[in-house]
Amino acid sequence: MQKGSVMVDKGDKVQTGKRIGLVGNSGNTSEPHVHIHAEKDGKGVPIEFNGSFPVRNSLIW
């Protein structure tokens, strides 16, 4: 995520289509991308995209 671009706060409910921030090259990368990790009560939980659960290094278009 681009520094200073986050548009949500901790605890916000995020609806489909809501912009949460901007991605971009913020380090040594060849293209803009974002890494996502979700937790509930300190434990990792699966994230669903378009009806499926992506595995590590999956590309979402």
Protein backbone atom coordinates (compact mmCIF):
# COMPACT_ATOMS: atom_id res chain seq x y z
CA MET A 1 0.00 0.00 0.00
CA GLN A 2 1.20 3.49 -0.74
CA LYS A 3 2.24 5.32 2.40
CA GLY A 4 -0.53 7.57 3.69
CA SER A 5 -3.17 6.19 1.29
CA VAL A 6 -5.17 4.01 3.70
CA MET A 7 -8.80 5.22 3.74
CA VAL A 8 -10.24 2.96 6.46
CA ASP A 9 -9.72 2.67 10.19
CA LYS A 10 -9.31 -0.35 12.44
CA GLY A 11 -12.74 -1.92 13.04
CA ASP A 12 -14.38 -0.38 9.96
CA LYS A 13 -16.84 -2.59 8.07
CA VAL A 14 -15.71 -2.78 4.45
CA GLN A 15 -18.33 -3.25 1.76
CA THR A 16 -17.75 -4.61 -1.73
CA GLY A 17 -16.36 -1.89 -3.96
CA LYS A 18 -15.17 0.35 -1.10
CA ARG A 19 -11.74 1.80 -1.76
CA ILE A 20 -9.44 0.99 1.14
CA GLY A 21 -6.22 2.55 -0.16
CA LEU A 22 -3.82 2.70 -3.06
CA VAL A 23 -1.30 0.09 -4.15
CA GLY A 24 1.96 0.87 -5.85
CA ASN A 25 5.63 0.08 -5.88
CA SER A 26 6.73 0.78 -2.33
CA GLY A 27 9.89 -1.30 -2.44
CA ASN A 28 11.97 -3.45 -4.75
CA THR A 29 9.15 -4.80 -6.98
CA SER A 30 8.56 -5.07 -10.69
CA GLU A 31 4.88 -4.06 -10.55
CA PRO A 32 2.29 -2.72 -8.09
CA HIS A 33 0.80 -5.44 -5.90
CA VAL A 34 -0.64 -6.04 -2.46
CA HIS A 35 -0.22 -8.85 0.06
CA ILE A 36 -3.33 -9.68 2.09
CA HIS A 37 -3.66 -11.44 5.43
CA ALA A 38 -6.83 -11.64 7.52
CA GLU A 39 -7.13 -12.45 11.21
CA LYS A 40 -9.93 -12.87 13.71
CA ASP A 41 -9.09 -13.05 17.39
CA GLY A 42 -5.39 -13.34 16.51
CA LYS A 43 -5.80 -16.36 14.20
CA GLY A 44 -5.57 -16.41 10.41
CA VAL A 45 -8.86 -16.80 8.55
CA PRO A 46 -9.48 -17.64 4.87
CA ILE A 47 -10.38 -14.88 2.43
CA GLU A 48 -12.76 -15.58 -0.45
CA PHE A 49 -12.47 -13.85 -3.85
CA ASN A 50 -15.09 -14.39 -6.55
CA GLY A 51 -16.35 -17.53 -4.80
CA SER A 52 -13.00 -19.26 -4.33
CA PHE A 53 -10.23 -19.36 -1.76
CA PRO A 54 -6.90 -18.45 -3.39
CA VAL A 55 -3.77 -20.29 -2.32
CA ARG A 56 -0.39 -18.73 -1.69
CA ASN A 57 0.90 -16.67 -4.64
CA SER A 58 -2.46 -16.75 -6.45
CA LEU A 59 -3.16 -13.91 -8.85
CA ILE A 60 -6.55 -12.16 -8.58
CA TRP A 61 -7.70 -10.15 -11.62
